[in-house]
């Protein structure tokens, strides 16, 4: 569309999942951020790593138990969701062996229970996010 040429797999075309990174505005093409949260829910403290267009809205979407406490430990702004997703995944790759189990996390949140980590990893994950931010800044000026 609009003069763009792109190879599209048939299944994406059938499902209507065709968009142009240059012309279409999607959650992936808009400015985004990578974040690390400290969450206390029902007396359990854990970390949540993710990316979002709107962090406050995303936190509400977790459907945490009433009285939960959320502290924003780190936020890295990016030009778009594609970059945020890559940065987030680069951090997840280093800590995936430490992911908290889904069955445990469902006790504390209805959505977003993946990509949660033990609180004891706070300093290590923050250090990794700092490295990722430095690289992002180096390549993005």
N, C-alpha and C. Protein backbone atom coordinates (compact mmCIF):
# COMPACT_ATOMS: atom_id res chain seq x y z
N UNK A 1 0.83 -1.19 0.00
CA UNK A 1 0.00 0.00 0.00
C UNK A 1 0.88 1.25 0.00
N UNK A 2 0.36 2.34 -0.46
CA UNK A 2 1.07 3.60 -0.56
C UNK A 2 2.43 3.46 -1.24
N UNK A 3 2.53 2.58 -2.22
CA UNK A 3 3.77 2.43 -2.96
C UNK A 3 4.82 1.58 -2.29
N UNK A 4 4.52 0.97 -1.17
CA UNK A 4 5.47 0.11 -0.48
C UNK A 4 5.43 -1.28 -1.09
N UNK A 5 6.59 -1.86 -1.25
CA UNK A 5 6.68 -3.24 -1.73
C UNK A 5 7.25 -4.09 -0.62
N UNK A 6 6.55 -5.19 -0.33
CA UNK A 6 6.99 -6.05 0.77
C UNK A 6 6.52 -7.47 0.49
N UNK A 7 7.40 -8.43 0.77
CA UNK A 7 7.02 -9.83 0.71
C UNK A 7 6.23 -10.15 1.96
N UNK A 8 5.06 -10.75 1.80
CA UNK A 8 4.20 -11.08 2.93
C UNK A 8 3.83 -12.55 2.86
N UNK A 9 3.96 -13.25 3.98
CA UNK A 9 3.55 -14.65 4.05
C UNK A 9 2.04 -14.72 3.95
N UNK A 10 1.55 -15.75 3.28
CA UNK A 10 0.12 -15.91 3.04
C UNK A 10 -0.72 -15.92 4.30
N UNK A 11 -0.23 -16.57 5.38
CA UNK A 11 -1.03 -16.64 6.61
C UNK A 11 -1.21 -15.27 7.24
N UNK A 12 -0.21 -14.40 7.15
CA UNK A 12 -0.35 -13.05 7.69
C UNK A 12 -1.34 -12.24 6.86
N UNK A 13 -1.33 -12.44 5.59
CA UNK A 13 -2.25 -11.74 4.71
C UNK A 13 -3.68 -12.18 4.98
N UNK A 14 -3.89 -13.48 5.15
CA UNK A 14 -5.23 -14.00 5.45
C UNK A 14 -5.76 -13.46 6.77
N UNK A 15 -4.87 -13.30 7.77
CA UNK A 15 -5.30 -12.81 9.08
C UNK A 15 -5.34 -11.28 9.16
N UNK A 16 -4.95 -10.62 8.08
CA UNK A 16 -4.97 -9.17 8.06
C UNK A 16 -3.86 -8.53 8.88
N UNK A 17 -2.76 -9.25 9.07
CA UNK A 17 -1.64 -8.75 9.87
C UNK A 17 -0.54 -8.20 8.97
N UNK A 18 -0.91 -7.30 8.11
CA UNK A 18 0.05 -6.70 7.21
C UNK A 18 0.14 -5.22 7.54
N UNK A 19 1.34 -4.75 7.79
CA UNK A 19 1.53 -3.33 8.05
C UNK A 19 2.90 -2.92 7.55
N UNK A 20 3.05 -1.64 7.36
CA UNK A 20 4.28 -1.06 6.87
C UNK A 20 4.99 -0.35 8.02
N UNK A 21 6.25 -0.69 8.26
CA UNK A 21 7.00 -0.07 9.35
C UNK A 21 7.18 1.43 9.12
N UNK A 22 7.13 1.85 7.87
CA UNK A 22 7.34 3.26 7.54
C UNK A 22 6.06 4.07 7.67
N UNK A 23 4.93 3.54 7.23
CA UNK A 23 3.71 4.33 7.14
C UNK A 23 2.65 4.05 8.21
N UNK A 24 2.57 2.84 8.70
CA UNK A 24 1.52 2.49 9.66
C UNK A 24 1.97 2.75 11.09
N UNK A 25 1.06 3.26 11.88
CA UNK A 25 1.33 3.50 13.29
C UNK A 25 0.77 2.33 14.09
N UNK A 26 1.65 1.55 14.66
CA UNK A 26 1.26 0.42 15.50
C UNK A 26 1.99 0.56 16.83
N UNK A 27 1.66 -0.29 17.78
CA UNK A 27 2.36 -0.23 19.07
C UNK A 27 3.85 -0.48 18.89
N UNK A 28 4.23 -1.14 17.81
CA UNK A 28 5.64 -1.43 17.58
C UNK A 28 6.36 -0.27 16.88
N UNK A 29 5.62 0.60 16.21
CA UNK A 29 6.27 1.69 15.49
C UNK A 29 6.33 2.99 16.29
N UNK A 30 5.62 3.04 17.40
CA UNK A 30 5.57 4.26 18.21
C UNK A 30 6.65 4.24 19.30
N UNK A 31 7.04 5.42 19.81
CA UNK A 31 8.03 5.45 20.90
C UNK A 31 7.60 4.55 22.05
N UNK A 32 8.57 3.89 22.64
CA UNK A 32 8.29 2.90 23.68
C UNK A 32 9.38 2.98 24.74
N UNK A 33 9.28 2.11 25.73
CA UNK A 33 10.35 2.04 26.72
C UNK A 33 10.47 0.64 27.28
N UNK A 34 11.70 0.33 27.69
CA UNK A 34 12.00 -0.91 28.40
C UNK A 34 12.01 -0.54 29.88
N UNK A 35 11.45 -1.39 30.73
CA UNK A 35 11.35 -1.04 32.14
C UNK A 35 11.67 -2.23 33.04
N UNK A 36 12.06 -1.89 34.25
CA UNK A 36 12.21 -2.88 35.31
C UNK A 36 11.43 -2.35 36.51
N UNK A 37 10.54 -3.19 37.01
CA UNK A 37 9.71 -2.83 38.16
C UNK A 37 10.04 -3.73 39.34
N UNK A 38 9.92 -3.15 40.53
CA UNK A 38 9.94 -3.93 41.77
C UNK A 38 8.49 -3.95 42.24
N UNK A 39 7.95 -5.15 42.39
CA UNK A 39 6.55 -5.28 42.78
C UNK A 39 6.47 -6.07 44.08
N UNK A 40 5.69 -5.54 45.02
CA UNK A 40 5.37 -6.28 46.23
C UNK A 40 3.88 -6.56 46.21
N UNK A 41 3.54 -7.82 46.24
CA UNK A 41 2.14 -8.24 46.20
C UNK A 41 1.94 -9.36 47.22
N UNK A 42 1.02 -9.15 48.13
CA UNK A 42 0.71 -10.15 49.17
C UNK A 42 1.97 -10.56 49.95
N UNK A 43 2.87 -9.59 50.17
CA UNK A 43 4.07 -9.86 50.93
C UNK A 43 5.22 -10.46 50.14
N UNK A 44 5.02 -10.73 48.86
CA UNK A 44 6.06 -11.32 48.01
C UNK A 44 6.64 -10.21 47.13
N UNK A 45 7.97 -10.07 47.11
CA UNK A 45 8.64 -9.04 46.31
C UNK A 45 9.33 -9.72 45.13
N UNK A 46 9.10 -9.19 43.93
CA UNK A 46 9.70 -9.73 42.72
C UNK A 46 9.96 -8.61 41.72
N UNK A 47 10.66 -8.94 40.66
CA UNK A 47 10.98 -7.99 39.60
C UNK A 47 10.20 -8.34 38.35
N UNK A 48 9.81 -7.31 37.60
CA UNK A 48 9.11 -7.49 36.33
C UNK A 48 9.84 -6.68 35.28
N UNK A 49 10.29 -7.34 34.23
CA UNK A 49 10.98 -6.70 33.11
C UNK A 49 10.05 -6.72 31.91
N UNK A 50 9.98 -5.62 31.18
CA UNK A 50 9.13 -5.59 30.01
C UNK A 50 9.36 -4.36 29.17
N UNK A 51 8.49 -4.19 28.15
CA UNK A 51 8.49 -2.96 27.36
C UNK A 51 7.06 -2.56 27.09
N UNK A 52 6.84 -1.27 26.92
CA UNK A 52 5.48 -0.77 26.77
C UNK A 52 5.48 0.63 26.17
N UNK A 53 4.36 0.99 25.56
CA UNK A 53 4.11 2.37 25.12
C UNK A 53 3.76 3.24 26.32
N UNK A 54 2.97 2.69 27.21
CA UNK A 54 2.43 3.43 28.35
C UNK A 54 2.58 2.56 29.60
N UNK A 55 3.61 2.82 30.37
CA UNK A 55 3.93 1.96 31.50
C UNK A 55 2.83 1.95 32.56
N UNK A 56 2.27 3.11 32.87
CA UNK A 56 1.23 3.14 33.90
C UNK A 56 0.02 2.30 33.48
N UNK A 57 -0.36 2.38 32.22
CA UNK A 57 -1.47 1.58 31.71
C UNK A 57 -1.12 0.08 31.75
N UNK A 58 0.15 -0.22 31.43
CA UNK A 58 0.59 -1.61 31.45
C UNK A 58 0.52 -2.18 32.87
N UNK A 59 0.93 -1.39 33.84
CA UNK A 59 0.90 -1.85 35.24
C UNK A 59 -0.54 -2.17 35.66
N UNK A 60 -1.48 -1.32 35.29
CA UNK A 60 -2.90 -1.58 35.59
C UNK A 60 -3.32 -2.90 34.94
N UNK A 61 -2.82 -3.15 33.74
CA UNK A 61 -3.16 -4.37 33.01
C UNK A 61 -2.67 -5.65 33.67
N UNK A 62 -1.71 -5.55 34.57
CA UNK A 62 -1.23 -6.74 35.29
C UNK A 62 -2.30 -7.29 36.23
N UNK A 63 -3.24 -6.45 36.63
CA UNK A 63 -4.30 -6.83 37.57
C UNK A 63 -3.70 -7.42 38.84
N UNK A 64 -2.85 -6.61 39.45
CA UNK A 64 -2.20 -7.00 40.70
C UNK A 64 -3.23 -7.03 41.83
N UNK A 65 -2.92 -7.78 42.86
CA UNK A 65 -3.79 -7.83 44.03
C UNK A 65 -3.90 -6.44 44.66
N UNK A 66 -5.06 -6.15 45.23
CA UNK A 66 -5.27 -4.86 45.89
C UNK A 66 -4.21 -4.67 46.97
N UNK A 67 -3.67 -3.45 47.04
CA UNK A 67 -2.65 -3.14 48.03
C UNK A 67 -1.23 -3.42 47.56
N UNK A 68 -1.07 -3.90 46.34
CA UNK A 68 0.27 -4.16 45.81
C UNK A 68 1.03 -2.84 45.66
N UNK A 69 2.33 -2.92 45.78
CA UNK A 69 3.20 -1.74 45.66
C UNK A 69 4.11 -1.94 44.46
N UNK A 70 4.23 -0.90 43.62
CA UNK A 70 5.06 -0.97 42.42
C UNK A 70 6.06 0.18 42.45
N UNK A 71 7.34 -0.14 42.29
CA UNK A 71 8.40 0.86 42.21
C UNK A 71 9.06 0.73 40.84
N UNK A 72 9.14 1.84 40.12
CA UNK A 72 9.82 1.86 38.82
C UNK A 72 11.32 2.00 39.07
N UNK A 73 12.06 0.94 38.78
CA UNK A 73 13.50 0.93 39.02
C UNK A 73 14.30 1.47 37.84
N UNK A 74 13.82 1.21 36.63
CA UNK A 74 14.55 1.64 35.43
C UNK A 74 13.58 1.81 34.27
N UNK A 75 13.85 2.81 33.45
CA UNK A 75 13.11 3.05 32.22
C UNK A 75 14.10 3.48 31.14
N UNK A 76 14.08 2.81 30.01
CA UNK A 76 14.94 3.17 28.88
C UNK A 76 14.03 3.53 27.72
N UNK A 77 14.02 4.79 27.34
CA UNK A 77 13.17 5.24 26.23
C UNK A 77 13.80 4.84 24.91
N UNK A 78 12.92 4.41 23.99
CA UNK A 78 13.38 4.01 22.66
C UNK A 78 12.51 4.68 21.59
N UNK A 79 13.03 4.72 20.38
CA UNK A 79 12.31 5.36 19.27
C UNK A 79 11.07 4.59 18.89
N UNK A 80 11.08 3.27 19.11
CA UNK A 80 9.93 2.46 18.73
C UNK A 80 9.93 1.13 19.48
N UNK A 81 8.84 0.40 19.32
CA UNK A 81 8.68 -0.88 19.99
C UNK A 81 9.60 -1.97 19.47
N UNK A 82 10.02 -1.87 18.21
CA UNK A 82 10.95 -2.86 17.66
C UNK A 82 12.26 -2.82 18.43
N UNK A 83 12.77 -1.60 18.66
CA UNK A 83 14.02 -1.44 19.40
C UNK A 83 13.82 -1.86 20.85
N UNK A 84 12.72 -1.43 21.46
CA UNK A 84 12.45 -1.80 22.86
C UNK A 84 12.38 -3.32 23.01
N UNK A 85 11.72 -3.98 22.09
CA UNK A 85 11.60 -5.44 22.15
C UNK A 85 12.97 -6.11 22.05
N UNK A 86 13.82 -5.62 21.16
CA UNK A 86 15.16 -6.20 21.02
C UNK A 86 15.98 -5.98 22.29
N UNK A 87 15.91 -4.78 22.85
CA UNK A 87 16.65 -4.51 24.08
C UNK A 87 16.15 -5.38 25.23
N UNK A 88 14.83 -5.46 25.36
CA UNK A 88 14.24 -6.30 26.41
C UNK A 88 14.70 -7.74 26.26
N UNK A 89 14.62 -8.27 25.05
CA UNK A 89 15.00 -9.66 24.82
C UNK A 89 16.47 -9.91 25.09
N UNK A 90 17.32 -8.92 24.83
CA UNK A 90 18.75 -9.11 25.11
C UNK A 90 18.99 -9.27 26.61
N UNK A 91 18.19 -8.61 27.43
CA UNK A 91 18.32 -8.76 28.88
C UNK A 91 17.70 -10.09 29.31
N UNK A 92 16.52 -10.40 28.78
CA UNK A 92 15.87 -11.68 29.13
C UNK A 92 16.78 -12.86 28.82
N UNK A 93 17.49 -12.80 27.70
CA UNK A 93 18.36 -13.91 27.31
C UNK A 93 19.39 -14.23 28.38
N UNK A 94 19.84 -13.23 29.10
CA UNK A 94 20.85 -13.44 30.14
C UNK A 94 20.28 -14.00 31.44
N UNK A 95 18.97 -13.81 31.64
CA UNK A 95 18.37 -14.19 32.92
C UNK A 95 17.25 -15.22 32.80
N UNK A 96 17.01 -15.73 31.62
CA UNK A 96 15.86 -16.62 31.40
C UNK A 96 15.85 -17.84 32.32
N UNK A 97 17.01 -18.31 32.70
CA UNK A 97 17.07 -19.48 33.59
C UNK A 97 16.50 -19.16 34.98
N UNK A 98 16.35 -17.88 35.29
CA UNK A 98 15.87 -17.46 36.60
C UNK A 98 14.40 -17.01 36.61
N UNK A 99 13.72 -17.13 35.46
CA UNK A 99 12.30 -16.74 35.39
C UNK A 99 11.52 -17.42 36.51
N UNK A 100 10.68 -16.64 37.16
CA UNK A 100 9.80 -17.22 38.18
C UNK A 100 8.70 -18.03 37.49
N UNK A 101 8.33 -19.12 38.08
CA UNK A 101 7.36 -20.04 37.50
C UNK A 101 5.98 -19.40 37.34
N UNK A 102 5.35 -19.67 36.21
CA UNK A 102 4.02 -19.14 35.92
C UNK A 102 3.01 -19.49 37.01
N UNK A 103 3.04 -20.72 37.50
CA UNK A 103 2.06 -21.13 38.52
C UNK A 103 2.24 -20.34 39.81
N UNK A 104 3.48 -19.97 40.14
CA UNK A 104 3.73 -19.12 41.30
C UNK A 104 3.21 -17.71 41.04
N UNK A 105 3.53 -17.15 39.88
CA UNK A 105 3.22 -15.75 39.58
C UNK A 105 1.72 -15.50 39.43
N UNK A 106 0.97 -16.51 39.05
CA UNK A 106 -0.49 -16.34 38.93
C UNK A 106 -1.15 -16.06 40.28
N UNK A 107 -0.42 -16.31 41.37
CA UNK A 107 -0.92 -15.94 42.70
C UNK A 107 -0.87 -14.43 42.93
N UNK A 108 -0.08 -13.73 42.12
CA UNK A 108 0.18 -12.31 42.37
C UNK A 108 -0.29 -11.38 41.25
N UNK A 109 -0.44 -11.91 40.05
CA UNK A 109 -0.85 -11.09 38.92
C UNK A 109 -1.59 -11.95 37.90
N UNK A 110 -2.59 -11.37 37.24
CA UNK A 110 -3.39 -12.10 36.27
C UNK A 110 -2.74 -12.06 34.89
N UNK A 111 -2.09 -10.96 34.58
CA UNK A 111 -1.46 -10.77 33.28
C UNK A 111 -0.02 -10.31 33.50
N UNK A 112 0.86 -10.62 32.57
CA UNK A 112 2.24 -10.18 32.68
C UNK A 112 3.10 -11.04 33.58
N UNK A 113 2.64 -12.24 33.88
CA UNK A 113 3.34 -13.09 34.84
C UNK A 113 4.60 -13.73 34.26
N UNK A 114 4.79 -13.63 32.96
CA UNK A 114 6.05 -14.10 32.39
C UNK A 114 7.08 -12.98 32.57
N UNK A 115 8.31 -13.31 32.42
CA UNK A 115 9.39 -12.31 32.51
C UNK A 115 9.46 -11.65 33.88
N UNK A 116 9.17 -12.44 34.90
CA UNK A 116 9.34 -12.00 36.28
C UNK A 116 10.53 -12.74 36.88
N UNK A 117 11.24 -12.04 37.76
CA UNK A 117 12.48 -12.57 38.30
C UNK A 117 12.54 -12.39 39.81
N UNK A 118 13.34 -13.22 40.47
CA UNK A 118 13.51 -13.07 41.92
C UNK A 118 14.12 -11.71 42.26
N UNK A 119 13.69 -11.15 43.35
CA UNK A 119 14.18 -9.84 43.80
C UNK A 119 15.69 -9.83 43.98
N UNK A 120 16.26 -10.95 44.35
CA UNK A 120 17.71 -11.03 44.61
C UNK A 120 18.55 -10.66 43.37
N UNK A 121 17.94 -10.72 42.18
CA UNK A 121 18.65 -10.38 40.93
C UNK A 121 18.58 -8.89 40.59
N UNK A 122 18.02 -8.09 41.47
CA UNK A 122 17.82 -6.66 41.19
C UNK A 122 19.09 -5.97 40.69
N UNK A 123 20.18 -6.07 41.43
CA UNK A 123 21.41 -5.37 41.04
C UNK A 123 21.97 -5.89 39.72
N UNK A 124 21.90 -7.19 39.50
CA UNK A 124 22.41 -7.77 38.26
C UNK A 124 21.60 -7.32 37.04
N UNK A 125 20.28 -7.31 37.17
CA UNK A 125 19.44 -6.90 36.05
C UNK A 125 19.60 -5.40 35.80
N UNK A 126 19.67 -4.60 36.85
CA UNK A 126 19.90 -3.16 36.68
C UNK A 126 21.23 -2.90 35.98
N UNK A 127 22.26 -3.64 36.34
CA UNK A 127 23.57 -3.48 35.69
C UNK A 127 23.48 -3.83 34.21
N UNK A 128 22.76 -4.88 33.90
CA UNK A 128 22.60 -5.28 32.49
C UNK A 128 21.81 -4.23 31.72
N UNK A 129 20.77 -3.69 32.33
CA UNK A 129 19.99 -2.62 31.68
C UNK A 129 20.86 -1.38 31.45
N UNK A 130 21.76 -1.09 32.38
CA UNK A 130 22.67 0.04 32.22
C UNK A 130 23.57 -0.18 30.99
N UNK A 131 24.09 -1.39 30.84
CA UNK A 131 24.92 -1.71 29.66
C UNK A 131 24.12 -1.55 28.38
N UNK A 132 22.89 -2.06 28.39
CA UNK A 132 22.03 -1.98 27.21
C UNK A 132 21.73 -0.52 26.87
N UNK A 133 21.49 0.30 27.87
CA UNK A 133 21.22 1.72 27.64
C UNK A 133 22.44 2.41 27.04
N UNK A 134 23.62 2.10 27.56
CA UNK A 134 24.83 2.70 27.01
C UNK A 134 25.02 2.34 25.54
N UNK A 135 24.78 1.08 25.19
CA UNK A 135 24.88 0.67 23.79
C UNK A 135 23.84 1.36 22.92
N UNK A 136 22.61 1.45 23.43
CA UNK A 136 21.55 2.14 22.68
C UNK A 136 21.94 3.58 22.42
N UNK A 137 22.41 4.26 23.46
CA UNK A 137 22.82 5.66 23.33
C UNK A 137 24.00 5.82 22.37
N UNK A 138 24.92 4.88 22.40
CA UNK A 138 26.08 4.93 21.52
C UNK A 138 25.66 4.85 20.06
N UNK A 139 24.71 3.95 19.75
CA UNK A 139 24.30 3.77 18.36
C UNK A 139 23.23 4.75 17.90
N UNK A 140 22.51 5.35 18.84
CA UNK A 140 21.46 6.30 18.47
C UNK A 140 21.89 7.75 18.64
N UNK A 141 23.13 7.97 19.01
CA UNK A 141 23.63 9.34 19.18
C UNK A 141 23.14 9.91 20.41
